[in-house]
Amino acid sequence: MKAEIHTLVSKEIYRNRWLTLKEDKIQRADGSEGIYSVIEKDDFVVILPIEDDSIYVVEQYRYPIGERTIELPQGSWELTPNAAPEDLAAGELLEETGLVAGELSYVGYQKLAQGYSAQGYHIYLARDLTYQGQNLDAEEVGLTASRMKTADFLALILAGKITDATSVTAFLLAQAKKLID
């Protein structure tokens, strides 16, 4: 398929260890020009830690929205961007929840926000869980982990109380694939 938009000039506006912001001068298929802002971030993982009829979740303060949110454990390793997704999933699970999975299975891959980024995320289901203790990063101060019934997690999604799109998509995809109840 032929590209509908061509990049004429790409300029890096900002960079830190988590992301790069670019502003591209583009030409559309009809010949008109414009700009497009693009955020470059490495892919990440999200984990569904399941035990019996329960799921482990994390709650943390999210600065951009100014509130604490309930989410599935997720993250990336900015200092090791080429880590294998399954290693990243196991590491993030341990870091955020203190859990080690005896069984880690792949659920799928999704894109996060295709309108401004190519970043995506790998979804893993974690079972046969053993607690070993959290090891939070400095950015995760105040993060707590807890266990809740999967039915309660779904009820919170439906009530609009869990709004993290990554967590919602991962949970519903695993349900649709009949990997969880």
Protein backbone atom coordinates (compact mmCIF):
# COMPACT_ATOMS: atom_id res chain seq x y z
CA MET A 1 0.00 0.00 0.00
CA LYS A 2 1.29 3.44 -0.96
CA ALA A 3 1.88 5.97 1.82
CA GLU A 4 -0.81 8.64 1.95
CA ILE A 5 1.43 11.11 3.75
CA HIS A 6 5.09 11.82 3.02
CA THR A 7 7.53 13.32 5.48
CA LEU A 8 9.29 16.36 4.04
CA VAL A 9 11.28 17.36 7.14
CA SER A 10 11.46 15.79 10.58
CA LYS A 11 12.66 17.83 13.55
CA GLU A 12 13.31 16.56 17.06
CA ILE A 13 11.70 18.99 19.50
CA TYR A 14 12.40 17.26 22.81
CA ARG A 15 14.02 14.10 24.22
CA ASN A 16 14.38 12.50 27.64
CA ARG A 17 14.94 8.90 28.73
CA TRP A 18 11.23 8.06 28.31
CA LEU A 19 10.26 9.67 25.01
CA THR A 20 11.14 11.73 21.96
CA LEU A 21 8.81 14.38 20.54
CA LYS A 22 9.15 15.13 16.84
CA GLU A 23 7.43 17.68 14.64
CA ASP A 24 7.27 16.63 11.02
CA LYS A 25 6.48 18.79 8.03
CA ILE A 26 4.35 16.53 5.85
CA GLN A 27 2.76 16.41 2.41
CA ARG A 28 -0.63 14.75 2.04
CA ALA A 29 -1.73 12.69 -0.98
CA ASP A 30 -3.58 15.73 -2.40
CA GLY A 31 -0.36 17.77 -2.35
CA SER A 32 -1.28 19.98 0.60
CA GLU A 33 1.27 20.40 3.38
CA GLY A 34 0.95 20.44 7.14
CA ILE A 35 2.63 19.41 10.35
CA TYR A 36 2.35 16.26 12.38
CA SER A 37 3.57 15.81 15.95
CA VAL A 38 4.83 12.33 16.79
CA ILE A 39 5.79 10.86 20.16
CA GLU A 40 8.33 8.05 19.98
CA LYS A 41 8.32 5.63 22.90
CA ASP A 42 9.48 2.04 23.23
CA ASP A 43 6.88 -0.71 23.38
CA PHE A 44 5.86 -1.87 26.84
CA VAL A 45 4.12 -4.79 28.52
CA VAL A 46 0.94 -5.22 30.53
CA ILE A 47 0.41 -8.25 32.76
CA LEU A 48 -2.78 -9.95 33.95
CA PRO A 49 -1.74 -11.76 37.16
CA ILE A 50 -4.56 -14.28 37.72
CA GLU A 51 -5.07 -16.51 40.76
CA ASP A 52 -8.29 -18.52 41.03
CA ASP A 53 -11.12 -16.02 40.36
CA SER A 54 -8.99 -13.00 41.26
CA ILE A 55 -6.63 -10.58 39.56
CA TYR A 56 -3.78 -8.56 41.04
CA VAL A 57 -3.93 -4.84 40.28
CA VAL A 58 -1.87 -1.79 41.11
CA GLU A 59 -3.02 1.63 42.21
CA GLN A 60 -0.86 4.68 41.68
CA TYR A 61 -0.99 8.43 41.33
CA ARG A 62 -1.04 9.56 37.70
CA TYR A 63 0.30 13.09 37.50
CA PRO A 64 -1.29 14.09 34.12
CA ILE A 65 -4.81 13.48 35.45
CA GLY A 66 -4.10 14.36 39.07
CA GLU A 67 -5.55 11.24 40.66
CA ARG A 68 -4.84 7.69 41.75
CA THR A 69 -5.92 5.02 39.29
CA ILE A 70 -6.42 1.25 39.37
CA GLU A 71 -4.52 -0.49 36.59
CA LEU A 72 -2.91 -3.75 35.63
CA PRO A 73 0.85 -3.97 36.24
CA GLN A 74 2.65 -2.56 33.22
CA GLY A 75 5.80 -0.82 32.12
CA SER A 76 9.00 -0.72 30.13
CA TRP A 77 12.70 -0.63 30.81
CA GLU A 78 13.98 2.65 29.43
CA LEU A 79 17.58 1.69 30.13
CA THR A 80 17.16 -1.72 28.43
CA PRO A 81 14.88 -0.97 25.45
CA ASN A 82 15.78 -4.18 23.59
CA ALA A 83 14.79 -6.54 26.43
CA ALA A 84 12.66 -9.48 25.33
CA PRO A 85 8.97 -8.76 26.08
CA GLU A 86 8.61 -11.90 28.23
CA ASP A 87 11.62 -10.85 30.36
CA LEU A 88 10.14 -7.39 30.69
CA ALA A 89 6.74 -8.86 31.72
CA ALA A 90 8.35 -11.04 34.40
CA GLY A 91 10.44 -8.12 35.64
CA GLU A 92 7.58 -5.61 35.79
CA LEU A 93 5.34 -8.13 37.53
CA LEU A 94 7.96 -8.66 40.25
CA GLU A 95 8.83 -4.96 40.51
CA GLU A 96 5.25 -3.69 40.86
CA THR A 97 3.46 -6.53 42.66
CA GLY A 98 6.25 -8.60 44.19
CA LEU A 99 4.91 -11.65 42.32
CA VAL A 100 6.80 -14.26 40.31
CA ALA A 101 4.84 -16.22 37.73
CA GLY A 102 5.37 -19.95 37.36
CA GLU A 103 3.52 -19.66 34.05
CA LEU A 104 3.65 -16.62 31.77
CA SER A 105 1.66 -16.87 28.53
CA TYR A 106 1.31 -14.45 25.64
CA VAL A 107 -2.13 -12.95 25.03
CA GLY A 108 -1.47 -10.51 22.18
CA TYR A 109 -0.21 -7.15 20.99
CA GLN A 110 -2.03 -3.82 20.69
CA LYS A 111 -1.15 -0.25 19.70
CA LEU A 112 -1.63 2.44 22.33
CA ALA A 113 -2.44 5.66 20.46
CA GLN A 114 -1.94 5.37 16.70
CA GLY A 115 -2.91 9.00 16.10
CA TYR A 116 0.35 10.30 17.58
CA SER A 117 2.62 7.32 18.33
CA ALA A 118 3.66 3.92 16.99
CA GLN A 119 4.09 2.62 20.55
CA GLY A 120 2.43 -0.67 21.31
CA TYR A 121 2.22 -3.15 24.12
CA HIS A 122 2.54 -6.89 24.62
CA ILE A 123 -0.05 -8.51 26.87
CA TYR A 124 0.83 -11.43 29.14
CA LEU A 125 -1.21 -13.66 31.43
CA ALA A 126 0.61 -14.66 34.63
CA ARG A 127 -0.43 -17.72 36.67
CA ASP A 128 1.04 -19.94 39.40
CA LEU A 129 2.03 -16.87 41.39
CA THR A 130 4.48 -16.69 44.30
CA TYR A 131 5.07 -13.55 46.37
CA GLN A 132 8.69 -12.40 46.73
CA GLY A 133 8.36 -8.67 47.54
CA GLN A 134 8.02 -5.45 45.57
CA ASN A 135 11.02 -3.58 44.21
CA LEU A 136 9.59 -0.22 43.05
CA ASP A 137 11.40 2.36 40.92
CA ALA A 138 11.69 5.93 42.22
CA GLU A 139 8.91 6.96 39.80
CA GLU A 140 6.60 4.38 41.42
CA VAL A 141 6.71 5.69 44.99
CA GLY A 142 3.25 5.24 46.48
CA LEU A 143 2.25 2.42 44.11
CA THR A 144 0.29 -0.28 45.91
CA ALA A 145 -0.69 -3.75 44.76
CA SER A 146 -3.80 -5.65 45.76
CA ARG A 147 -5.94 -8.59 44.76
CA MET A 148 -9.57 -8.30 43.65
CA LYS A 149 -12.16 -10.58 42.10
CA THR A 150 -12.08 -10.54 38.30
CA ALA A 151 -15.85 -9.89 38.37
CA ASP A 152 -15.21 -6.76 40.47
CA PHE A 153 -12.51 -5.61 38.04
CA LEU A 154 -14.97 -5.97 35.15
CA ALA A 155 -17.66 -4.13 37.15
CA LEU A 156 -15.23 -1.23 37.71
CA ILE A 157 -14.49 -1.10 33.97
CA LEU A 158 -18.20 -1.02 33.15
CA ALA A 159 -18.83 1.67 35.79
CA GLY A 160 -16.12 3.88 34.28
CA LYS A 161 -13.94 3.61 37.39
CA ILE A 162 -11.07 1.86 35.59
CA THR A 163 -10.19 4.16 32.71
CA ASP A 164 -6.67 3.07 31.76
CA ALA A 165 -7.23 1.97 28.15
CA THR A 166 -4.31 -0.46 28.27
CA SER A 167 -5.73 -2.28 31.30
CA VAL A 168 -9.25 -2.35 29.86
CA THR A 169 -8.10 -3.64 26.47
CA ALA A 170 -5.80 -6.29 27.94
CA PHE A 171 -8.50 -7.59 30.28
CA LEU A 172 -11.22 -7.67 27.63
CA LEU A 173 -8.93 -9.28 25.04
CA ALA A 174 -8.01 -12.04 27.51
CA GLN A 175 -11.73 -12.54 28.26
CA ALA A 176 -12.63 -12.62 24.56
CA LYS A 177 -9.96 -15.28 24.01
CA LYS A 178 -11.50 -17.21 26.94
CA LEU A 179 -8.23 -17.11 28.88
CA ILE A 180 -9.96 -15.68 31.98
CA ASP A 181 -13.52 -15.62 33.29
